Each structure stands twice: as C-alpha cells, then as structure tokens.
Amino acid sequence: MLPNKKIIDELKKLAIKAKNNNEVPISAIIAKKNKIFFSAYNTCHKTNNPLNHAEMIVINHALKETKQKFLNEFDIYSSLEPCALCASAISFCRIKRIFFCAYDKKFGSIINGAKIFKIKNAMYKPKIFGGIEEKFFSQILKDFFKNKR
C-alpha cells in the first residue's frame, strides 16, 4: 500500500511550520478516502499541555466533527512513529490504517518500545505502514534538537 504523496507533502509543510514556531516538528493528518480531513502539528510548548501531540489533536477533531465514537473509515498519517499515548488512542478509535514516517527508537510504540498493536488484548489493530520518507523527517527532528542544545 503506497501512502498518498500529497498528504506526505502536507506533513512536511506542517513539520516545518512546527519547527518555525518552536514546537517539536511532529505533524499528523487524519484522512478519509485519501482526502485530508484535518491536520495539525504538536502544540505541547505553546499550550503547556504535554498531551497536545499532533495525533491527539487530529483524532479529537475528527471525533468532534463526525460525532462518532469510532473512526474506522479514517487513516492517520504521522511524521513520527506514534508514542504509546497516540498508538492507544488510534486503537481505541479504531482508525483503519497508520502511515508514519520516521521511526522513534526512544518513544515510538508501534515498531519500537511498547509495541501497542502486538499486545494480545489490543483493542483494535490497524494496518501499519512505516518508514515513509524517513530521511527527511528524521533530519528535521535532529536539526531541531541540535539547535536546542
């Protein structure tokens, strides 16, 4: 399954925007039938809320707008392998597919770390596609943190 190039390009723009706004450059898009439904980037610093991950923002928006409990007709795109919080939310909301770009050996919880969807009793297991344009998304994160130190 190939990811939608237009959506990946939009993830890049959002990650750059996050970096320019002094946020960790992580972006997410929730899409339905390859059409962008909502997009966001991390706003943890701006809002002083460590839960404002890009994935959580787009999921919450989709739940509010659709007035549905489950998002099984949606895909989520993330510039970084989702953490345990976001992976669990994806599972609880029954999002159909996850497309993520850079792997996260430190906090990722799909391929690395907690491996949320490998848990025997996982609520729901979406289809997973990772490592999409990993070089670009890994580099923007490295550059961001290099400039912070």
N, C-alpha and C. Protein backbone atom coordinates (compact mmCIF):
# COMPACT_ATOMS: atom_id res chain seq x y z
N MET A 1 0.86 -1.19 0.00
CA MET A 1 0.00 0.00 0.00
C MET A 1 0.89 1.24 0.00
N LEU A 2 0.75 2.06 -0.99
CA LEU A 2 1.53 3.29 -1.07
C LEU A 2 0.78 4.42 -0.38
N PRO A 3 1.52 5.25 0.37
CA PRO A 3 0.88 6.40 1.00
C PRO A 3 0.56 7.46 -0.04
N ASN A 4 -0.36 8.34 0.29
CA ASN A 4 -0.74 9.44 -0.58
C ASN A 4 0.35 10.51 -0.54
N LYS A 5 0.99 10.76 -1.68
CA LYS A 5 2.11 11.71 -1.75
C LYS A 5 1.71 13.12 -1.34
N LYS A 6 0.52 13.56 -1.73
CA LYS A 6 0.06 14.90 -1.36
C LYS A 6 -0.05 15.04 0.16
N ILE A 7 -0.49 13.98 0.80
CA ILE A 7 -0.61 14.02 2.27
C ILE A 7 0.77 14.04 2.90
N ILE A 8 1.71 13.27 2.38
CA ILE A 8 3.08 13.28 2.91
C ILE A 8 3.70 14.66 2.71
N ASP A 9 3.48 15.28 1.56
CA ASP A 9 3.99 16.64 1.32
C ASP A 9 3.40 17.63 2.32
N GLU A 10 2.13 17.46 2.64
CA GLU A 10 1.50 18.34 3.64
C GLU A 10 2.09 18.10 5.03
N LEU A 11 2.40 16.84 5.36
CA LEU A 11 3.08 16.53 6.63
C LEU A 11 4.40 17.28 6.72
N LYS A 12 5.13 17.32 5.61
CA LYS A 12 6.42 18.04 5.58
C LYS A 12 6.21 19.53 5.88
N LYS A 13 5.24 20.14 5.22
CA LYS A 13 4.96 21.56 5.44
C LYS A 13 4.59 21.83 6.89
N LEU A 14 3.79 20.95 7.46
CA LEU A 14 3.37 21.12 8.86
C LEU A 14 4.54 20.95 9.82
N ALA A 15 5.42 20.00 9.55
CA ALA A 15 6.59 19.80 10.41
C ALA A 15 7.50 21.03 10.37
N ILE A 16 7.68 21.60 9.19
CA ILE A 16 8.48 22.82 9.06
C ILE A 16 7.82 23.97 9.81
N LYS A 17 6.51 24.08 9.70
CA LYS A 17 5.77 25.13 10.41
C LYS A 17 5.93 24.96 11.92
N ALA A 18 5.85 23.73 12.40
CA ALA A 18 6.04 23.47 13.84
C ALA A 18 7.43 23.92 14.27
N LYS A 19 8.43 23.53 13.51
CA LYS A 19 9.82 23.90 13.83
C LYS A 19 9.96 25.43 13.87
N ASN A 20 9.39 26.11 12.88
CA ASN A 20 9.46 27.57 12.83
C ASN A 20 8.71 28.24 13.98
N ASN A 21 7.75 27.52 14.57
CA ASN A 21 7.00 28.03 15.73
C ASN A 21 7.55 27.49 17.05
N ASN A 22 8.79 26.98 17.00
CA ASN A 22 9.49 26.50 18.19
C ASN A 22 8.79 25.31 18.87
N GLU A 23 8.05 24.54 18.09
CA GLU A 23 7.45 23.29 18.58
C GLU A 23 8.26 22.13 18.02
N VAL A 24 8.23 21.00 18.72
CA VAL A 24 8.88 19.81 18.19
C VAL A 24 8.23 19.51 16.84
N PRO A 25 9.02 19.36 15.77
CA PRO A 25 8.45 19.24 14.43
C PRO A 25 7.83 17.87 14.13
N ILE A 26 6.71 17.64 14.76
CA ILE A 26 5.94 16.42 14.53
C ILE A 26 4.56 16.85 14.04
N SER A 27 4.13 16.23 12.95
CA SER A 27 2.85 16.61 12.35
C SER A 27 2.00 15.36 12.13
N ALA A 28 0.70 15.59 12.01
CA ALA A 28 -0.23 14.48 11.77
C ALA A 28 -1.39 14.97 10.91
N ILE A 29 -1.93 14.02 10.17
CA ILE A 29 -3.09 14.29 9.32
C ILE A 29 -4.04 13.11 9.46
N ILE A 30 -5.31 13.42 9.59
CA ILE A 30 -6.31 12.36 9.54
C ILE A 30 -7.03 12.54 8.20
N ALA A 31 -7.17 11.43 7.49
CA ALA A 31 -7.72 11.48 6.13
C ALA A 31 -8.81 10.42 5.95
N LYS A 32 -9.71 10.73 5.06
CA LYS A 32 -10.77 9.79 4.70
C LYS A 32 -10.79 9.68 3.18
N LYS A 33 -10.62 8.47 2.69
CA LYS A 33 -10.58 8.21 1.25
C LYS A 33 -9.55 9.11 0.56
N ASN A 34 -8.36 9.19 1.16
CA ASN A 34 -7.23 9.96 0.63
C ASN A 34 -7.46 11.47 0.57
N LYS A 35 -8.46 11.95 1.27
CA LYS A 35 -8.71 13.39 1.36
C LYS A 35 -8.42 13.85 2.78
N ILE A 36 -7.68 14.94 2.90
CA ILE A 36 -7.33 15.46 4.22
C ILE A 36 -8.60 15.95 4.92
N PHE A 37 -8.82 15.42 6.10
CA PHE A 37 -9.97 15.82 6.92
C PHE A 37 -9.54 16.90 7.91
N PHE A 38 -8.37 16.70 8.52
CA PHE A 38 -7.83 17.68 9.46
C PHE A 38 -6.34 17.44 9.61
N SER A 39 -5.59 18.51 9.84
CA SER A 39 -4.14 18.40 10.01
C SER A 39 -3.70 19.25 11.19
N ALA A 40 -2.57 18.88 11.78
CA ALA A 40 -2.06 19.62 12.93
C ALA A 40 -0.59 19.27 13.16
N TYR A 41 0.02 20.07 14.01
CA TYR A 41 1.36 19.73 14.50
C TYR A 41 1.34 19.85 16.01
N ASN A 42 2.38 19.31 16.65
CA ASN A 42 2.45 19.35 18.11
C ASN A 42 2.32 20.78 18.61
N THR A 43 1.58 20.96 19.69
CA THR A 43 1.46 22.28 20.32
C THR A 43 1.72 22.19 21.82
N CYS A 44 2.52 21.23 22.22
CA CYS A 44 2.79 21.00 23.65
C CYS A 44 3.40 22.22 24.34
N HIS A 45 4.35 22.88 23.67
CA HIS A 45 5.01 24.04 24.29
C HIS A 45 4.08 25.25 24.32
N LYS A 46 3.43 25.52 23.21
CA LYS A 46 2.54 26.68 23.10
C LYS A 46 1.41 26.62 24.13
N THR A 47 0.87 25.43 24.35
CA THR A 47 -0.29 25.28 25.23
C THR A 47 0.07 24.82 26.64
N ASN A 48 1.37 24.54 26.86
CA ASN A 48 1.82 23.98 28.15
C ASN A 48 1.04 22.72 28.50
N ASN A 49 0.75 21.94 27.48
CA ASN A 49 0.00 20.69 27.67
C ASN A 49 0.76 19.56 26.98
N PRO A 50 1.38 18.66 27.76
CA PRO A 50 2.17 17.59 27.16
C PRO A 50 1.35 16.56 26.39
N LEU A 51 0.03 16.65 26.44
CA LEU A 51 -0.83 15.72 25.71
C LEU A 51 -1.19 16.23 24.32
N ASN A 52 -0.80 17.44 23.98
CA ASN A 52 -1.16 18.02 22.68
C ASN A 52 -0.23 17.55 21.57
N HIS A 53 -0.17 16.24 21.42
CA HIS A 53 0.56 15.64 20.31
C HIS A 53 -0.27 15.84 19.05
N ALA A 54 0.39 15.94 17.93
CA ALA A 54 -0.31 16.16 16.66
C ALA A 54 -1.39 15.10 16.42
N GLU A 55 -1.05 13.85 16.72
CA GLU A 55 -2.01 12.76 16.50
C GLU A 55 -3.26 12.94 17.37
N MET A 56 -3.06 13.32 18.62
CA MET A 56 -4.20 13.50 19.53
C MET A 56 -5.08 14.66 19.06
N ILE A 57 -4.46 15.71 18.55
CA ILE A 57 -5.22 16.86 18.08
C ILE A 57 -6.11 16.47 16.90
N VAL A 58 -5.54 15.75 15.92
CA VAL A 58 -6.35 15.40 14.74
C VAL A 58 -7.43 14.36 15.08
N ILE A 59 -7.11 13.44 15.98
CA ILE A 59 -8.10 12.45 16.40
C ILE A 59 -9.26 13.13 17.12
N ASN A 60 -8.95 14.00 18.07
CA ASN A 60 -10.00 14.71 18.80
C ASN A 60 -10.87 15.54 17.87
N HIS A 61 -10.25 16.19 16.90
CA HIS A 61 -11.01 16.99 15.94
C HIS A 61 -11.97 16.10 15.14
N ALA A 62 -11.46 14.97 14.66
CA ALA A 62 -12.30 14.07 13.86
C ALA A 62 -13.47 13.52 14.67
N LEU A 63 -13.21 13.17 15.93
CA LEU A 63 -14.29 12.68 16.79
C LEU A 63 -15.36 13.74 16.99
N LYS A 64 -14.91 14.96 17.22
CA LYS A 64 -15.85 16.07 17.45
C LYS A 64 -16.66 16.37 16.19
N GLU A 65 -15.99 16.44 15.05
CA GLU A 65 -16.67 16.80 13.80
C GLU A 65 -17.62 15.72 13.30
N THR A 66 -17.22 14.46 13.44
CA THR A 66 -18.07 13.37 12.93
C THR A 66 -19.14 12.95 13.92
N LYS A 67 -18.94 13.33 15.18
CA LYS A 67 -19.85 12.91 16.26
C LYS A 67 -19.97 11.39 16.31
N GLN A 68 -18.87 10.72 15.98
CA GLN A 68 -18.82 9.26 16.02
C GLN A 68 -17.82 8.81 17.07
N LYS A 69 -18.07 7.66 17.64
CA LYS A 69 -17.17 7.08 18.63
C LYS A 69 -15.96 6.43 17.97
N PHE A 70 -16.15 5.87 16.78
CA PHE A 70 -15.08 5.17 16.08
C PHE A 70 -14.78 5.84 14.74
N LEU A 71 -13.52 5.78 14.36
CA LEU A 71 -13.06 6.42 13.13
C LEU A 71 -12.54 5.37 12.15
N ASN A 72 -13.30 4.28 12.01
CA ASN A 72 -12.82 3.15 11.22
C ASN A 72 -12.80 3.40 9.71
N GLU A 73 -13.27 4.53 9.26
CA GLU A 73 -13.18 4.89 7.84
C GLU A 73 -12.01 5.84 7.57
N PHE A 74 -11.24 6.13 8.61
CA PHE A 74 -10.15 7.10 8.51
C PHE A 74 -8.78 6.44 8.56
N ASP A 75 -7.81 7.13 7.97
CA ASP A 75 -6.40 6.79 8.08
C ASP A 75 -5.73 7.92 8.84
N ILE A 76 -4.64 7.60 9.53
CA ILE A 76 -3.86 8.64 10.18
C ILE A 76 -2.44 8.59 9.64
N TYR A 77 -1.92 9.76 9.34
CA TYR A 77 -0.55 9.93 8.87
C TYR A 77 0.19 10.70 9.95
N SER A 78 1.38 10.24 10.30
CA SER A 78 2.18 10.94 11.29
C SER A 78 3.62 11.03 10.81
N SER A 79 4.26 12.14 11.09
CA SER A 79 5.65 12.31 10.68
C SER A 79 6.60 11.46 11.52
N LEU A 80 6.12 10.96 12.66
CA LEU A 80 6.94 10.16 13.56
C LEU A 80 6.13 8.98 14.07
N GLU A 81 6.81 7.87 14.29
CA GLU A 81 6.15 6.69 14.86
C GLU A 81 5.41 7.10 16.13
N PRO A 82 4.11 6.85 16.20
CA PRO A 82 3.34 7.28 17.37
C PRO A 82 3.83 6.66 18.69
N CYS A 83 3.72 7.46 19.74
CA CYS A 83 4.08 7.03 21.09
C CYS A 83 2.96 6.15 21.65
N ALA A 84 3.13 5.68 22.87
CA ALA A 84 2.13 4.80 23.50
C ALA A 84 0.77 5.50 23.65
N LEU A 85 0.79 6.78 24.02
CA LEU A 85 -0.46 7.55 24.17
C LEU A 85 -1.22 7.59 22.84
N CYS A 86 -0.53 7.98 21.79
CA CYS A 86 -1.18 8.15 20.48
C CYS A 86 -1.56 6.81 19.86
N ALA A 87 -0.69 5.81 20.00
CA ALA A 87 -1.00 4.48 19.47
C ALA A 87 -2.23 3.90 20.16
N SER A 88 -2.33 4.11 21.46
CA SER A 88 -3.51 3.63 22.20
C SER A 88 -4.77 4.34 21.73
N ALA A 89 -4.68 5.65 21.53
CA ALA A 89 -5.84 6.42 21.04
C ALA A 89 -6.26 5.92 19.65
N ILE A 90 -5.28 5.64 18.80
CA ILE A 90 -5.57 5.11 17.47
C ILE A 90 -6.32 3.79 17.58
N SER A 91 -5.88 2.95 18.51
CA SER A 91 -6.53 1.66 18.73
C SER A 91 -7.96 1.83 19.25
N PHE A 92 -8.11 2.65 20.29
CA PHE A 92 -9.44 2.86 20.88
C PHE A 92 -10.43 3.44 19.87
N CYS A 93 -9.94 4.28 18.97
CA CYS A 93 -10.82 4.91 17.98
C CYS A 93 -10.99 4.08 16.71
N ARG A 94 -10.28 2.98 16.66
CA ARG A 94 -10.38 2.02 15.55
C ARG A 94 -10.07 2.64 14.19
N ILE A 95 -9.02 3.44 14.16
CA ILE A 95 -8.57 4.03 12.90
C ILE A 95 -8.04 2.91 12.01
N LYS A 96 -8.43 2.96 10.75
CA LYS A 96 -8.18 1.85 9.81
C LYS A 96 -6.70 1.58 9.54
N ARG A 97 -5.95 2.65 9.22
CA ARG A 97 -4.54 2.47 8.85
C ARG A 97 -3.69 3.59 9.44
N ILE A 98 -2.44 3.23 9.74
CA ILE A 98 -1.45 4.19 10.21
C ILE A 98 -0.34 4.25 9.17
N PHE A 99 -0.01 5.45 8.73
CA PHE A 99 1.15 5.69 7.89
C PHE A 99 2.07 6.60 8.70
N PHE A 100 3.26 6.13 9.03
CA PHE A 100 4.18 7.02 9.74
C PHE A 100 5.51 7.08 9.01
N CYS A 101 6.23 8.15 9.26
CA CYS A 101 7.45 8.43 8.50
C CYS A 101 8.70 7.97 9.25
N ALA A 102 9.17 8.74 10.19
CA ALA A 102 10.41 8.39 10.91
C ALA A 102 10.12 7.40 12.03
N TYR A 103 11.04 6.47 12.22
CA TYR A 103 10.96 5.55 13.35
C TYR A 103 11.43 6.28 14.59
N ASP A 104 10.87 5.93 15.74
CA ASP A 104 11.25 6.57 17.01
C ASP A 104 11.70 5.48 17.98
N LYS A 105 13.02 5.29 18.06
CA LYS A 105 13.57 4.24 18.93
C LYS A 105 13.40 4.55 20.40
N LYS A 106 13.25 5.83 20.72
CA LYS A 106 13.16 6.23 22.13
C LYS A 106 11.73 6.13 22.67
N PHE A 107 10.76 6.71 21.96
CA PHE A 107 9.39 6.76 22.47
C PHE A 107 8.35 6.10 21.57
N GLY A 108 8.74 5.66 20.39
CA GLY A 108 7.80 5.01 19.49
C GLY A 108 7.21 3.76 20.13
N SER A 109 5.98 3.47 19.81
CA SER A 109 5.31 2.32 20.45
C SER A 109 4.55 1.44 19.47
N ILE A 110 4.99 1.47 18.22
CA ILE A 110 4.38 0.59 17.22
C ILE A 110 5.38 -0.48 16.79
N ILE A 111 6.51 -0.04 16.29
CA ILE A 111 7.59 -0.95 15.89
C ILE A 111 8.59 -1.07 17.03
N ASN A 112 8.79 0.02 17.73
CA ASN A 112 9.72 0.09 18.86
C ASN A 112 8.95 0.11 20.18
N GLY A 113 9.67 0.12 21.27
CA GLY A 113 9.07 0.31 22.59
C GLY A 113 7.96 -0.65 22.95
N ALA A 114 6.83 -0.10 23.39
CA ALA A 114 5.72 -0.89 23.92
C ALA A 114 5.03 -1.78 22.89
N LYS A 115 5.19 -1.47 21.61
CA LYS A 115 4.56 -2.26 20.54
C LYS A 115 3.08 -2.53 20.83
N ILE A 116 2.36 -1.46 20.98
CA ILE A 116 0.95 -1.48 21.38
C ILE A 116 0.11 -2.50 20.59
N PHE A 117 0.34 -2.61 19.30
CA PHE A 117 -0.51 -3.47 18.49
C PHE A 117 -0.08 -4.94 18.50
N LYS A 118 1.01 -5.23 19.18
CA LYS A 118 1.45 -6.63 19.35
C LYS A 118 0.87 -7.23 20.63
N ILE A 119 0.31 -6.38 21.47
CA ILE A 119 -0.29 -6.85 22.72
C ILE A 119 -1.48 -7.74 22.38
N LYS A 120 -1.52 -8.89 23.01
CA LYS A 120 -2.56 -9.88 22.73
C LYS A 120 -3.97 -9.29 22.83
N ASN A 121 -4.21 -8.49 23.84
CA ASN A 121 -5.54 -7.94 24.08
C ASN A 121 -5.72 -6.52 23.54
N ALA A 122 -4.92 -6.14 22.55
CA ALA A 122 -5.06 -4.79 21.98
C ALA A 122 -6.50 -4.60 21.50
N MET A 123 -7.06 -3.45 21.80
CA MET A 123 -8.45 -3.14 21.47
C MET A 123 -8.74 -3.35 19.98
N TYR A 124 -7.86 -2.82 19.14
CA TYR A 124 -8.05 -2.88 17.69
C TYR A 124 -6.67 -2.76 17.06
N LYS A 125 -6.43 -3.50 16.00
CA LYS A 125 -5.12 -3.49 15.35
C LYS A 125 -5.25 -2.99 13.91
N PRO A 126 -4.82 -1.74 13.68
CA PRO A 126 -4.90 -1.18 12.32
C PRO A 126 -3.80 -1.75 11.43
N LYS A 127 -3.91 -1.50 10.15
CA LYS A 127 -2.82 -1.82 9.23
C LYS A 127 -1.75 -0.74 9.43
N ILE A 128 -0.49 -1.15 9.39
CA ILE A 128 0.61 -0.24 9.71
C ILE A 128 1.59 -0.16 8.54
N PHE A 129 1.95 1.07 8.18
CA PHE A 129 2.94 1.32 7.14
C PHE A 129 3.93 2.34 7.70
N GLY A 130 5.19 1.95 7.84
CA GLY A 130 6.17 2.84 8.45
C GLY A 130 7.39 3.08 7.58
N GLY A 131 8.18 4.08 7.99
CA GLY A 131 9.42 4.40 7.31
C GLY A 131 9.25 5.19 6.03
N ILE A 132 8.16 5.92 5.90
CA ILE A 132 7.85 6.69 4.69
C ILE A 132 8.66 7.99 4.70
N GLU A 133 9.49 8.17 3.69
CA GLU A 133 10.36 9.36 3.60
C GLU A 133 11.05 9.62 4.94
N GLU A 134 11.55 8.56 5.53
CA GLU A 134 12.15 8.62 6.86
C GLU A 134 13.30 9.63 6.95
N LYS A 135 14.11 9.72 5.92
CA LYS A 135 15.29 10.59 5.97
C LYS A 135 14.91 12.05 6.25
N PHE A 136 13.94 12.56 5.52
CA PHE A 136 13.52 13.96 5.71
C PHE A 136 13.03 14.19 7.14
N PHE A 137 12.13 13.33 7.61
CA PHE A 137 11.51 13.55 8.92
C PHE A 137 12.47 13.30 10.07
N SER A 138 13.40 12.37 9.91
CA SER A 138 14.43 12.16 10.94
C SER A 138 15.35 13.37 11.01
N GLN A 139 15.70 13.90 9.84
CA GLN A 139 16.64 15.03 9.80
C GLN A 139 16.04 16.29 10.41
N ILE A 140 14.79 16.58 10.14
CA ILE A 140 14.19 17.79 10.71
C ILE A 140 14.15 17.71 12.24
N LEU A 141 13.92 16.52 12.77
CA LEU A 141 13.94 16.34 14.23
C LEU A 141 15.36 16.51 14.78
N LYS A 142 16.34 15.91 14.11
CA LYS A 142 17.75 16.04 14.55
C LYS A 142 18.16 17.50 14.54
N ASP A 143 17.83 18.21 13.46
CA ASP A 143 18.18 19.63 13.35
C ASP A 143 17.52 20.46 14.46
N PHE A 144 16.27 20.17 14.74
CA PHE A 144 15.54 20.90 15.77
C PHE A 144 16.22 20.74 17.12
N PHE A 145 16.53 19.51 17.50
CA PHE A 145 17.12 19.27 18.82
C PHE A 145 18.59 19.70 18.88
N LYS A 146 19.28 19.65 17.75
CA LYS A 146 20.67 20.12 17.70
C LYS A 146 20.72 21.62 18.00
N ASN A 147 19.77 22.36 17.44
CA ASN A 147 19.71 23.80 17.67
C ASN A 147 19.27 24.15 19.09
N LYS A 148 18.63 23.22 19.77
CA LYS A 148 18.17 23.45 21.15
C LYS A 148 19.29 23.25 22.17
N ARG A 149 20.31 22.48 21.79
CA ARG A 149 21.37 22.14 22.74
C ARG A 149 22.51 23.10 22.70
